């Protein structure tokens, strides 16, 4: 059967010569070497290949490099910087031909089944940060579905957003977190195929779960093809900020403007990357890694505008990692992004639950009411107890000799604070399962499978902890007051370590949170200044057998407080 010629192209405006190397994956000895012709007006090299039958083909480019870390005009073999399928085992780019045409991702005819489902709004999401390699024994996208773990997340735990740690190709088959991207358009080989990712996102959407892409757009791996082709065209010649101690690799130069072609090449490339992942895989948000080091609001605003339009009418969210967090990066502070990871919540909540000598209600209150940090929108911060960048809370407690039930009680209180604070809550994988193992020192080599066996016993501290997370997540999703922009503190007693605050919705639903930061039991404790009329009744959402009533002539509630207990009192 005769087929139409298939076009290949490479943007390399400063390079002199480029050839295409291509062979069927089942017939490598037949590799063709085809010269490519340069269009000086566009900077692209082009060629067409005839008589490609249906199937998968390995391809790469053979070119004269412009990069300063090679000899002038040295010939190199380079993977296509826009490759959408990458064989990490054989280190080859892959292109699929079907019915005489080149497919974009190799599964262009995937039939999306759940695009019609309206996904949760930004204000309603509860994020679960997930590392694919360790979430199941198999370490694949399909295994998350096929082993029932996606149902666990949606139906048992109750989250409605998953933040996948970087899934773009990084370090081949190595067990790494992905924060060293090499091939920006390709899925990491060990996670599965492009069709597997589409299936995963589709299954998430069918369960009302949004999927968040973790994008590493500040720097790349040293083996990224762009460095081999023409480093100084795409990257800063040296470090973007020489005095910044945080440097993880060659940094994209979003300021560079090509006067001849009238473009900003790094901006256009990353724009194409982000738009590809949203269009091809229907992703619902982007977390931008190391935004402080990226330090360019123009490219962020461009990406926000393009990506929000691309996903309409579905909601879209943009999140910054900016350390330490600052209101200048978020929209309510005239910045480009919707939200920012809150390092303060992680540090201050854990320190106050761990170190009594440095206890501070002021720090706790700043974490719970983000307006005290200068954030006017409840969407402006993503709060978390722990993330992939930190040790799990139980491990940190153990380092301070806080063990067993004492440690679990504190983590349960932290979960209640997380879900009742202003901001978007996020759970780092395994926190709800009592993960307490130490992370390894190498940030790029993490190999620690999720310990699902802790749930085998029907009664255990691990099961109690999970039940606490399940219940407080359920309340967060049910009670609009817990997702509102209203939070008021009405009682605190430093010596007793008791803090109380209210959350109200626009329709005046009222929720009271009583947080007890002490290892002591307090029976018959009086919480004063209740913001409700006498006779008002409340039920404890964490234990519905507990009902409280403001007695006549008082604005007080009397209750028993267990060590590190949190009560969520719902107005009846």
Protein backbone atom coordinates (compact mmCIF):
# COMPACT_ATOMS: atom_id res chain seq x y z
CA UNK A 1 0.00 0.00 0.00
CA UNK A 2 1.39 3.41 -0.96
CA UNK A 3 1.47 5.99 1.82
CA UNK A 4 1.84 9.75 1.94
CA UNK A 5 5.27 11.07 2.91
CA UNK A 6 5.74 11.68 6.63
CA UNK A 7 7.33 15.00 7.57
CA UNK A 8 10.04 15.39 10.21
CA UNK A 9 11.33 18.74 11.42
CA UNK A 10 13.76 20.20 13.94
CA UNK A 11 13.98 23.80 15.11
CA UNK A 12 17.71 24.61 15.16
CA UNK A 13 18.24 28.11 13.73
CA UNK A 14 21.97 28.32 14.46
CA UNK A 15 23.00 24.81 13.45
CA UNK A 16 24.57 24.17 10.06
CA UNK A 17 23.59 20.63 9.12
CA UNK A 18 21.08 18.04 10.33
CA UNK A 19 20.26 14.52 9.20
CA UNK A 20 17.38 12.24 10.18
CA UNK A 21 18.21 8.69 11.28
CA UNK A 22 15.17 6.39 11.18
CA UNK A 23 14.44 2.65 11.24
CA UNK A 24 11.50 0.36 11.99
CA UNK A 25 11.76 -0.92 15.56
CA UNK A 26 11.69 -4.50 14.18
CA UNK A 27 14.34 -3.81 11.52
CA UNK A 28 17.10 -1.68 13.01
CA UNK A 29 19.75 -2.65 10.39
CA UNK A 30 17.64 -0.88 7.76
CA UNK A 31 18.18 2.54 9.35
CA UNK A 32 17.95 5.33 6.81
CA UNK A 33 20.09 8.50 6.88
CA UNK A 34 18.20 11.37 5.27
CA UNK A 35 19.62 14.91 4.87
CA UNK A 36 17.34 17.67 6.12
CA UNK A 37 16.91 21.06 4.43
CA UNK A 38 17.03 24.27 6.43
CA UNK A 39 14.48 27.06 6.05
CA UNK A 40 16.40 30.17 7.04
CA UNK A 41 13.16 32.15 7.44
CA UNK A 42 11.84 29.89 10.19
CA UNK A 43 14.94 28.20 11.62
CA UNK A 44 13.50 24.73 10.94
CA UNK A 45 15.17 21.79 9.23
CA UNK A 46 12.71 19.64 7.25
CA UNK A 47 12.60 16.35 5.43
CA UNK A 48 9.94 13.92 4.24
CA UNK A 49 10.14 10.14 4.42
CA UNK A 50 8.17 8.07 1.94
CA UNK A 51 6.85 4.52 2.13
CA UNK A 52 6.65 4.25 5.90
CA UNK A 53 4.31 1.38 6.60
CA UNK A 54 2.15 1.27 9.71
CA UNK A 55 4.14 0.60 12.88
CA UNK A 56 6.63 2.09 15.31
CA UNK A 57 9.87 3.66 14.15
CA UNK A 58 12.98 4.65 16.04
CA UNK A 59 14.37 8.01 15.07
CA UNK A 60 16.89 10.64 16.11
CA UNK A 61 18.81 13.51 14.56
CA UNK A 62 22.48 13.57 13.53
CA UNK A 63 23.65 17.18 13.62
CA UNK A 64 26.47 19.65 13.99
CA UNK A 65 26.18 21.09 17.49
CA UNK A 66 26.43 24.73 18.50
CA UNK A 67 26.80 24.03 22.20
CA UNK A 68 29.94 25.38 23.91
CA UNK A 69 30.53 22.16 25.83
CA UNK A 70 31.37 20.42 22.53
CA UNK A 71 33.88 21.11 19.80
CA UNK A 72 32.67 23.64 17.20
CA UNK A 73 30.38 21.91 14.67
CA UNK A 74 31.01 18.51 16.26
CA UNK A 75 28.59 15.87 14.96
CA UNK A 76 26.25 14.42 17.57
CA UNK A 77 23.28 12.05 17.68
CA UNK A 78 20.41 13.82 19.44
CA UNK A 79 16.88 12.77 20.43
CA UNK A 80 14.14 15.04 19.09
CA UNK A 81 13.49 17.69 21.80
CA UNK A 82 9.79 17.39 20.87
CA UNK A 83 9.65 13.58 20.96
CA UNK A 84 6.33 12.37 22.41
CA UNK A 85 7.30 8.70 22.82
CA UNK A 86 10.66 7.70 24.25
CA UNK A 87 12.11 4.21 24.61
CA UNK A 88 14.32 4.57 27.70
CA UNK A 89 15.66 1.02 27.41
CA UNK A 90 17.15 1.57 23.95
CA UNK A 91 17.53 5.36 24.24
CA UNK A 92 15.49 6.05 21.12
CA UNK A 93 12.73 8.41 20.13
CA UNK A 94 9.66 6.62 18.79
CA UNK A 95 7.17 7.73 16.15
CA UNK A 96 4.03 5.75 15.31
CA UNK A 97 2.59 5.61 11.82
CA UNK A 98 -1.00 4.45 11.40
CA UNK A 99 -3.02 4.42 8.20
CA UNK A 100 -0.39 6.49 6.49
CA UNK A 101 -0.24 9.31 9.02
CA UNK A 102 2.04 10.19 11.88
CA UNK A 103 0.34 9.98 15.28
CA UNK A 104 0.96 12.65 17.89
CA UNK A 105 1.23 10.47 21.00
CA UNK A 106 0.81 7.02 19.50
CA UNK A 107 -2.77 6.75 20.77
CA UNK A 108 -4.50 9.66 19.07
CA UNK A 109 -7.69 7.66 18.61
CA UNK A 110 -8.21 7.14 22.37
CA UNK A 111 -11.90 7.54 23.16
CA UNK A 112 -12.37 9.74 26.20
CA UNK A 113 -15.37 8.51 28.20
CA UNK A 114 -15.64 11.04 31.03
CA UNK A 115 -15.01 14.44 29.49
CA UNK A 116 -18.63 15.36 30.12
CA UNK A 117 -18.25 15.11 33.91
CA UNK A 118 -17.99 18.47 35.64
CA UNK A 119 -14.92 18.42 37.87
CA UNK A 120 -14.61 20.02 41.35
CA UNK A 121 -14.01 23.75 41.55
CA UNK A 122 -10.68 24.99 42.87
CA UNK A 123 -12.17 25.95 46.23
CA UNK A 124 -13.49 22.42 46.73
CA UNK A 125 -10.42 20.28 46.03
CA UNK A 126 -8.42 18.17 48.47
CA UNK A 127 -5.08 17.23 46.89
CA UNK A 128 -3.21 13.94 47.28
CA UNK A 129 0.45 14.18 46.25
CA UNK A 130 1.40 10.87 44.65
CA UNK A 131 4.65 9.31 43.45
CA UNK A 132 3.73 6.66 40.88
CA UNK A 133 6.81 4.45 41.39
CA UNK A 134 6.10 3.84 45.07
CA UNK A 135 2.31 3.96 45.33
CA UNK A 136 1.99 0.32 44.18
CA UNK A 137 4.44 -2.56 43.99
CA UNK A 138 4.32 -2.39 40.20
CA UNK A 139 4.99 1.36 40.10
CA UNK A 140 2.79 2.01 37.07
CA UNK A 141 -0.27 4.05 36.19
CA UNK A 142 -2.28 0.97 35.29
CA UNK A 143 -1.50 -0.65 38.64
CA UNK A 144 -3.04 2.29 40.52
CA UNK A 145 -6.31 1.49 38.76
CA UNK A 146 -6.11 -2.29 38.55
CA UNK A 147 -5.12 -2.89 42.19
CA UNK A 148 -8.02 -0.80 43.46
CA UNK A 149 -5.83 2.00 44.78
CA UNK A 150 -7.64 4.66 42.75
CA UNK A 151 -10.91 3.49 44.30
CA UNK A 152 -9.22 3.67 47.70
CA UNK A 153 -8.35 7.32 47.07
CA UNK A 154 -11.77 8.31 45.74
CA UNK A 155 -14.18 6.11 47.65
CA UNK A 156 -12.43 5.35 50.94
CA UNK A 157 -10.12 8.28 51.64
CA UNK A 158 -12.29 10.75 49.77
CA UNK A 159 -9.79 13.08 48.04
CA UNK A 160 -10.78 14.69 44.74
CA UNK A 161 -7.48 15.82 43.23
CA UNK A 162 -4.23 13.96 42.58
CA UNK A 163 -0.94 15.78 42.10
CA UNK A 164 1.35 13.45 40.19
CA UNK A 165 4.99 14.07 40.90
CA UNK A 166 6.79 14.78 37.59
CA UNK A 167 5.79 12.31 34.89
CA UNK A 168 7.80 13.79 32.03
CA UNK A 169 10.76 11.64 31.00
CA UNK A 170 13.66 11.85 33.42
CA UNK A 171 16.72 9.67 34.01
CA UNK A 172 15.57 6.76 31.88
CA UNK A 173 14.44 3.72 33.86
CA UNK A 174 15.96 5.02 37.11
CA UNK A 175 13.79 5.17 40.21
CA UNK A 176 13.74 8.95 40.55
CA UNK A 177 11.30 11.64 41.55
CA UNK A 178 11.41 13.28 38.12
CA UNK A 179 12.74 16.72 39.00
CA UNK A 180 15.39 16.57 36.30
CA UNK A 181 13.40 16.53 33.06
CA UNK A 182 15.13 15.38 29.91
CA UNK A 183 12.37 14.85 27.29
CA UNK A 184 9.59 17.34 27.95
CA UNK A 185 6.90 15.92 25.65
CA UNK A 186 7.40 12.27 26.63
CA UNK A 187 5.98 10.23 29.52
CA UNK A 188 8.49 8.48 31.78
CA UNK A 189 8.90 5.02 30.26
CA UNK A 190 8.57 3.03 33.49
CA UNK A 191 5.14 4.53 34.29
CA UNK A 192 3.48 3.09 31.21
CA UNK A 193 2.44 4.18 27.75
CA UNK A 194 0.73 7.40 26.64
CA UNK A 195 -2.48 5.40 26.39
CA UNK A 196 -2.02 4.27 30.00
CA UNK A 197 -1.81 7.91 31.10
CA UNK A 198 -4.96 8.79 29.15
CA UNK A 199 -6.75 5.86 30.77
CA UNK A 200 -5.58 6.97 34.22
CA UNK A 201 -6.77 10.56 33.74
CA UNK A 202 -10.05 9.34 32.25
CA UNK A 203 -10.63 7.01 35.22
CA UNK A 204 -9.84 9.85 37.62
CA UNK A 205 -12.32 12.13 35.90
CA UNK A 206 -14.91 9.39 36.03
CA UNK A 207 -14.51 9.44 39.82
CA UNK A 208 -14.63 13.24 40.05
CA UNK A 209 -10.87 13.52 40.62
CA UNK A 210 -8.78 16.26 39.03
CA UNK A 211 -5.23 15.46 37.93
CA UNK A 212 -2.41 17.95 38.51
CA UNK A 213 0.81 18.00 36.46
CA UNK A 214 4.02 18.82 38.35
CA UNK A 215 5.97 20.89 35.82
CA UNK A 216 9.72 21.44 36.08
CA UNK A 217 10.16 24.47 33.83
CA UNK A 218 12.97 26.33 35.57
CA UNK A 219 15.79 23.97 34.66
CA UNK A 220 16.39 20.69 32.86
CA UNK A 221 18.57 17.61 32.95
CA UNK A 222 22.08 18.02 31.56
CA UNK A 223 21.16 15.44 28.91
CA UNK A 224 18.19 17.41 27.58
CA UNK A 225 18.56 17.53 23.76
CA UNK A 226 18.30 21.34 23.76
CA UNK A 227 21.66 21.53 25.55
CA UNK A 228 23.26 19.29 22.96
CA UNK A 229 21.81 21.21 20.04
CA UNK A 230 22.52 24.82 21.06
CA UNK A 231 22.84 25.45 24.80
CA UNK A 232 23.19 29.21 24.81
CA UNK A 233 20.13 29.68 22.59
CA UNK A 234 17.82 28.05 25.16
CA UNK A 235 19.59 28.51 28.51
CA UNK A 236 21.51 31.07 30.47
CA UNK A 237 25.21 30.76 29.70
CA UNK A 238 25.82 30.64 33.45
CA UNK A 239 23.56 30.55 36.49
CA UNK A 240 20.50 32.80 36.36
CA UNK A 241 21.09 33.95 39.96
CA UNK A 242 24.75 33.29 40.87
CA UNK A 243 24.18 34.10 44.55
CA UNK A 244 21.20 31.76 44.96
CA UNK A 245 22.31 28.57 46.77
CA UNK A 246 19.53 26.59 45.06
CA UNK A 247 20.77 25.40 41.68
CA UNK A 248 19.68 22.08 40.20
CA UNK A 249 20.74 22.26 36.57
CA UNK A 250 20.87 24.38 33.38
CA UNK A 251 18.23 27.11 33.64
CA UNK A 252 15.97 28.16 30.77
CA UNK A 253 16.51 31.73 29.59
CA UNK A 254 12.99 33.15 29.29
CA UNK A 255 14.41 36.64 28.71
CA UNK A 256 16.33 35.89 25.52
CA UNK A 257 14.75 37.34 22.38
CA UNK A 258 15.80 36.19 18.89
CA UNK A 259 15.86 39.45 16.91
CA UNK A 260 15.97 37.71 13.56
CA UNK A 261 13.03 35.34 14.10
CA UNK A 262 11.18 37.74 16.45
CA UNK A 263 10.57 35.10 19.09
CA UNK A 264 11.49 34.16 22.65
CA UNK A 265 12.51 30.55 22.00
CA UNK A 266 12.48 29.22 25.57
CA UNK A 267 9.06 30.79 26.17
CA UNK A 268 7.65 29.29 22.99
CA UNK A 269 9.09 25.85 23.79
CA UNK A 270 7.70 25.63 27.33
CA UNK A 271 4.38 27.06 26.12
CA UNK A 272 4.19 24.23 23.58
CA UNK A 273 5.08 21.72 26.31
CA UNK A 274 2.35 22.85 28.71
CA UNK A 275 -0.29 23.14 25.99
CA UNK A 276 0.59 19.67 24.67
CA UNK A 277 0.09 17.95 28.03
CA UNK A 278 -3.23 19.67 28.62
CA UNK A 279 -4.57 19.09 25.11
CA UNK A 280 -3.36 15.50 24.77
CA UNK A 281 -3.98 14.25 28.32
CA UNK A 282 -6.76 16.56 29.61
CA UNK A 283 -4.89 17.51 32.78
CA UNK A 284 -6.55 19.92 35.19
CA UNK A 285 -3.83 21.97 36.88
CA UNK A 286 -0.10 22.65 36.89
CA UNK A 287 2.22 22.95 39.86
CA UNK A 288 5.24 25.01 38.84
CA UNK A 289 8.41 23.78 40.52
CA UNK A 290 11.07 26.21 41.88
CA UNK A 291 9.31 29.39 40.74
CA UNK A 292 11.57 31.62 42.81
CA UNK A 293 14.53 30.50 40.70
CA UNK A 294 12.52 30.76 37.46
CA UNK A 295 11.93 34.45 38.32
CA UNK A 296 9.91 35.46 35.26
CA UNK A 297 6.28 36.48 35.67
CA UNK A 298 5.78 37.06 31.94
CA UNK A 299 6.13 33.39 30.99
CA UNK A 300 3.98 32.37 33.96
CA UNK A 301 1.19 34.75 32.96
CA UNK A 302 1.35 33.46 29.40
CA UNK A 303 1.09 29.86 30.55
CA UNK A 304 -1.79 30.65 32.92
CA UNK A 305 -3.75 32.37 30.16
CA UNK A 306 -3.14 29.68 27.55
CA UNK A 307 -3.74 26.72 29.85
CA UNK A 308 -6.88 28.13 31.46
CA UNK A 309 -8.35 28.69 28.00
CA UNK A 310 -7.24 25.23 26.86
CA UNK A 311 -9.14 23.46 29.68
CA UNK A 312 -12.27 25.61 29.60
CA UNK A 313 -15.05 25.07 30.56
CA UNK A 314 -13.44 22.81 33.17
CA UNK A 315 -11.81 24.60 36.14
CA UNK A 316 -8.05 25.05 36.00
CA UNK A 317 -5.57 25.76 38.81
CA UNK A 318 -1.97 27.01 38.84
CA UNK A 319 0.23 26.40 41.89
CA UNK A 320 3.69 27.73 42.70
CA UNK A 321 6.48 26.20 44.67
CA UNK A 322 8.11 29.36 45.98
CA UNK A 323 10.30 29.00 49.09
CA UNK A 324 9.55 30.72 51.36
CA UNK A 325 6.00 31.31 50.17
CA UNK A 326 5.04 34.90 49.35
CA UNK A 327 1.85 36.69 48.39
CA UNK A 328 3.59 38.39 45.46
CA UNK A 329 3.44 35.16 43.43
CA UNK A 330 -0.35 34.71 43.67
CA UNK A 331 -3.15 36.59 41.96
CA UNK A 332 -4.57 38.10 45.15
CA UNK A 333 -1.14 39.75 45.56
CA UNK A 334 -1.00 40.83 41.88
CA UNK A 335 1.11 37.80 40.96
CA UNK A 336 0.54 35.39 38.06
CA UNK A 337 -0.56 32.15 39.77
CA UNK A 338 -3.60 31.05 41.74
CA UNK A 339 -1.90 29.44 44.71
CA UNK A 340 1.41 28.70 46.40
CA UNK A 341 2.68 25.86 48.55
CA UNK A 342 2.74 26.92 52.21
CA UNK A 343 6.05 26.08 53.84
CA UNK A 344 4.87 27.91 56.98
CA UNK A 345 1.98 25.51 57.62
CA UNK A 346 4.27 22.49 57.49
CA UNK A 347 6.96 23.99 59.69
CA UNK A 348 4.86 25.82 62.28
CA UNK A 349 2.11 23.26 62.82
CA UNK A 350 4.58 20.40 63.26
CA UNK A 351 6.91 22.42 65.49
CA UNK A 352 4.02 23.39 67.78
CA UNK A 353 2.88 19.78 68.02
CA UNK A 354 6.40 18.57 68.64
CA UNK A 355 8.21 21.11 70.80
CA UNK A 356 6.27 22.43 73.79
CA UNK A 357 9.05 24.82 74.84
CA UNK A 358 8.58 26.86 71.65
CA UNK A 359 4.78 26.73 71.59
CA UNK A 360 3.17 29.75 69.91
CA UNK A 361 -0.53 30.41 69.35
CA UNK A 362 0.45 33.31 67.07
CA UNK A 363 2.22 30.97 64.63
CA UNK A 364 -0.65 28.49 64.69
CA UNK A 365 -3.20 31.23 64.05
CA UNK A 366 -1.20 32.56 61.09
CA UNK A 367 -1.29 29.08 59.57
CA UNK A 368 -5.02 28.65 60.09
CA UNK A 369 -6.03 32.16 58.99
CA UNK A 370 -3.86 32.90 55.95
CA UNK A 371 -5.10 36.49 55.88
CA UNK A 372 -2.64 37.09 58.73
CA UNK A 373 0.13 36.23 56.25
CA UNK A 374 -1.14 38.72 53.68
CA UNK A 375 -3.23 36.33 51.55
CA UNK A 376 -6.75 37.63 50.89
CA UNK A 377 -8.04 34.57 49.03
CA UNK A 378 -8.69 31.13 50.60
CA UNK A 379 -7.22 29.64 47.40
CA UNK A 380 -3.91 31.44 47.77
CA UNK A 381 -2.09 28.73 49.75
CA UNK A 382 -1.81 24.96 49.51
CA UNK A 383 -1.35 23.70 53.07
CA UNK A 384 0.30 20.41 53.93
CA UNK A 385 1.60 18.58 56.97
CA UNK A 386 4.37 16.98 54.91
CA UNK A 387 5.29 16.85 51.24
CA UNK A 388 7.85 14.99 49.17
CA UNK A 389 10.41 17.63 50.20
CA UNK A 390 10.02 16.87 53.92
CA UNK A 391 10.23 13.96 56.30
CA UNK A 392 6.86 12.57 57.33
CA UNK A 393 5.50 13.99 60.58
CA UNK A 394 5.61 10.67 62.43
CA UNK A 395 9.30 10.32 61.63
CA UNK A 396 9.96 13.83 62.92
CA UNK A 397 8.02 13.09 66.10
CA UNK A 398 10.06 9.94 66.65
CA UNK A 399 13.25 11.99 66.32
CA UNK A 400 11.96 13.99 69.28
CA UNK A 401 11.22 10.77 71.22
CA UNK A 402 7.47 11.13 70.77
CA UNK A 403 6.29 7.61 70.05
CA UNK A 404 3.29 5.30 69.74
CA UNK A 405 -0.16 6.67 70.70
CA UNK A 406 1.29 10.03 71.69
CA UNK A 407 2.63 10.50 68.16
CA UNK A 408 -0.55 9.30 66.43
CA UNK A 409 -2.70 11.65 68.53
CA UNK A 410 -0.63 14.63 67.41
CA UNK A 411 -0.82 13.63 63.76
CA UNK A 412 -4.59 13.23 64.02
CA UNK A 413 -4.84 16.76 65.41
CA UNK A 414 -2.63 18.00 62.57
CA UNK A 415 -5.05 16.40 60.08
CA UNK A 416 -7.98 18.23 61.69
CA UNK A 417 -6.11 21.55 61.55
CA UNK A 418 -5.20 20.92 57.91
CA UNK A 419 -8.79 20.30 56.83
CA UNK A 420 -10.30 23.16 58.85
CA UNK A 421 -7.76 25.88 57.97
CA UNK A 422 -8.17 28.45 55.22
CA UNK A 423 -6.37 27.28 52.09
CA UNK A 424 -6.32 24.20 49.86
CA UNK A 425 -5.36 21.06 51.85
CA UNK A 426 -2.84 18.57 50.47
CA UNK A 427 -1.85 15.13 51.78
CA UNK A 428 1.55 13.65 50.94
CA UNK A 429 1.21 9.99 49.96
CA UNK A 430 1.26 7.69 52.99
CA UNK A 431 0.67 10.36 55.64
CA UNK A 432 -2.81 8.98 56.26
CA UNK A 433 -1.30 5.49 56.64
CA UNK A 434 1.14 6.52 59.37
CA UNK A 435 4.23 6.49 57.17
CA UNK A 436 7.21 6.99 59.48
CA UNK A 437 10.22 5.78 57.52
CA UNK A 438 13.09 8.17 56.85
CA UNK A 439 13.55 9.47 53.33
CA UNK A 440 16.87 8.63 51.74
CA UNK A 441 19.48 11.34 51.38
CA UNK A 442 19.58 11.25 47.56
CA UNK A 443 16.64 13.37 46.40
CA UNK A 444 16.72 11.70 42.97
CA UNK A 445 16.76 8.10 44.15
CA UNK A 446 13.70 7.35 46.22
CA UNK A 447 12.70 3.72 46.58
CA UNK A 448 10.18 3.20 49.35
CA UNK A 449 7.01 1.34 48.46
CA UNK A 450 3.83 2.35 50.25
CA UNK A 451 3.27 0.09 53.25
CA UNK A 452 -0.34 -0.98 52.73
CA UNK A 453 0.11 -3.88 55.17
CA UNK A 454 -0.34 -1.54 58.14
CA UNK A 455 -4.09 -1.68 57.44
CA UNK A 456 -4.31 -5.48 57.65
CA UNK A 457 -5.34 -5.36 61.31
CA UNK A 458 -8.96 -4.18 61.73
CA UNK A 459 -8.05 -2.35 64.96
CA UNK A 460 -4.74 -0.50 65.20
CA UNK A 461 -3.36 3.05 65.53
CA UNK A 462 -2.90 3.03 61.75
CA UNK A 463 -6.55 2.22 61.12
CA UNK A 464 -7.63 4.86 63.66
CA UNK A 465 -5.42 7.43 61.92
CA UNK A 466 -6.88 6.57 58.52
CA UNK A 467 -10.40 6.82 59.92
CA UNK A 468 -9.58 10.29 61.26
CA UNK A 469 -8.38 11.41 57.82
CA UNK A 470 -11.43 9.89 56.16
CA UNK A 471 -13.86 11.61 58.51
CA UNK A 472 -12.26 15.05 58.44
CA UNK A 473 -12.01 14.89 54.61
CA UNK A 474 -15.68 13.95 54.51
CA UNK A 475 -16.53 16.96 56.67
CA UNK A 476 -14.37 19.26 54.55
CA UNK A 477 -16.29 18.21 51.45
CA UNK A 478 -19.72 18.34 53.11
CA UNK A 479 -19.46 21.63 55.02
CA UNK A 480 -19.21 24.75 52.88
CA UNK A 481 -18.16 26.68 56.00
CA UNK A 482 -14.83 24.81 55.99
CA UNK A 483 -14.15 26.05 52.45
CA UNK A 484 -15.22 29.66 52.99
CA UNK A 485 -13.21 32.86 53.35
CA UNK A 486 -14.40 33.26 56.94
CA UNK A 487 -12.40 32.22 60.01
CA UNK A 488 -12.55 33.86 63.42
CA UNK A 489 -10.74 32.96 66.66
CA UNK A 490 -12.99 33.25 69.69
CA UNK A 491 -11.18 31.47 72.56
CA UNK A 492 -7.63 30.69 73.57
CA UNK A 493 -5.95 29.67 76.79
CA UNK A 494 -2.19 29.45 76.55
CA UNK A 495 -1.54 27.51 79.76
CA UNK A 496 -4.21 24.94 78.92
CA UNK A 497 -3.10 24.85 75.27
CA UNK A 498 -6.67 25.25 73.98
CA UNK A 499 -7.51 27.23 70.86
CA UNK A 500 -10.98 27.61 69.34
CA UNK A 501 -12.10 29.17 66.07
CA UNK A 502 -15.23 29.36 63.96
CA UNK A 503 -15.86 28.85 60.26
CA UNK A 504 -19.01 30.24 58.61
CA UNK A 505 -20.44 29.97 55.12
CA UNK A 506 -22.32 32.65 53.23
CA UNK A 507 -25.60 31.03 54.24
CA UNK A 508 -24.46 31.36 57.88
CA UNK A 509 -23.77 27.69 58.52
CA UNK A 510 -21.56 27.58 61.61
CA UNK A 511 -18.73 25.20 62.50
CA UNK A 512 -16.59 25.46 65.63
CA UNK A 513 -13.15 23.87 65.89
CA UNK A 514 -11.74 23.15 69.37
CA UNK A 515 -8.02 22.27 69.26
CA UNK A 516 -6.29 20.91 72.36
CA UNK A 517 -2.46 21.02 72.14
CA UNK A 518 -1.72 19.26 75.43
CA UNK A 519 -0.86 15.68 76.49
CA UNK A 520 -3.22 16.04 79.48
CA UNK A 521 -6.86 15.07 79.85
CA UNK A 522 -9.15 17.99 80.68
CA UNK A 523 -12.56 16.87 81.98
CA UNK A 524 -15.39 19.35 82.26
CA UNK A 525 -13.45 22.00 80.40
CA UNK A 526 -15.26 25.27 79.73
CA UNK A 527 -14.83 26.91 76.31
CA UNK A 528 -16.10 30.50 76.49
CA UNK A 529 -17.21 33.19 74.03
CA UNK A 530 -19.12 30.78 71.80
CA UNK A 531 -20.37 32.80 68.78
CA UNK A 532 -23.94 31.48 68.97
CA UNK A 533 -27.14 32.08 70.92
CA UNK A 534 -27.95 30.29 74.16
CA UNK A 535 -29.77 27.05 73.56
CA UNK A 536 -27.82 26.37 70.35
CA UNK A 537 -26.83 22.73 69.98
CA UNK A 538 -23.72 21.35 68.32
CA UNK A 539 -22.75 17.82 67.34
CA UNK A 540 -19.12 16.72 67.13
CA UNK A 541 -18.44 15.75 63.53
CA UNK A 542 -15.56 13.55 64.68
CA UNK A 543 -17.79 11.67 67.14
CA UNK A 544 -21.52 12.06 66.54
CA UNK A 545 -22.30 10.64 69.99
CA UNK A 546 -21.07 13.92 71.44
CA UNK A 547 -23.73 16.65 71.53
CA UNK A 548 -23.23 20.02 73.22
CA UNK A 549 -25.66 22.81 74.14
CA UNK A 550 -25.13 26.41 75.19
CA UNK A 551 -26.96 26.60 78.48
CA UNK A 552 -29.25 29.49 79.37
CA UNK A 553 -27.47 32.57 80.58
CA UNK A 554 -24.07 31.56 79.22
CA UNK A 555 -22.09 31.63 76.02
CA UNK A 556 -20.08 28.58 77.06
CA UNK A 557 -19.74 24.93 76.13
CA UNK A 558 -18.61 22.31 78.61
CA UNK A 559 -16.69 19.31 77.31
CA UNK A 560 -14.06 16.69 78.02
CA UNK A 561 -10.81 17.11 76.08
CA UNK A 562 -8.49 14.18 75.47
CA UNK A 563 -4.76 14.64 74.80
CA UNK A 564 -4.22 16.43 71.47
CA UNK A 565 -7.88 16.14 70.58
CA UNK A 566 -9.59 18.18 67.92
CA UNK A 567 -13.37 18.57 67.91
CA UNK A 568 -15.33 19.85 64.90
CA UNK A 569 -18.64 21.06 66.28
CA UNK A 570 -21.43 21.48 63.74
CA UNK A 571 -24.40 23.67 64.55
CA UNK A 572 -27.57 21.59 64.55
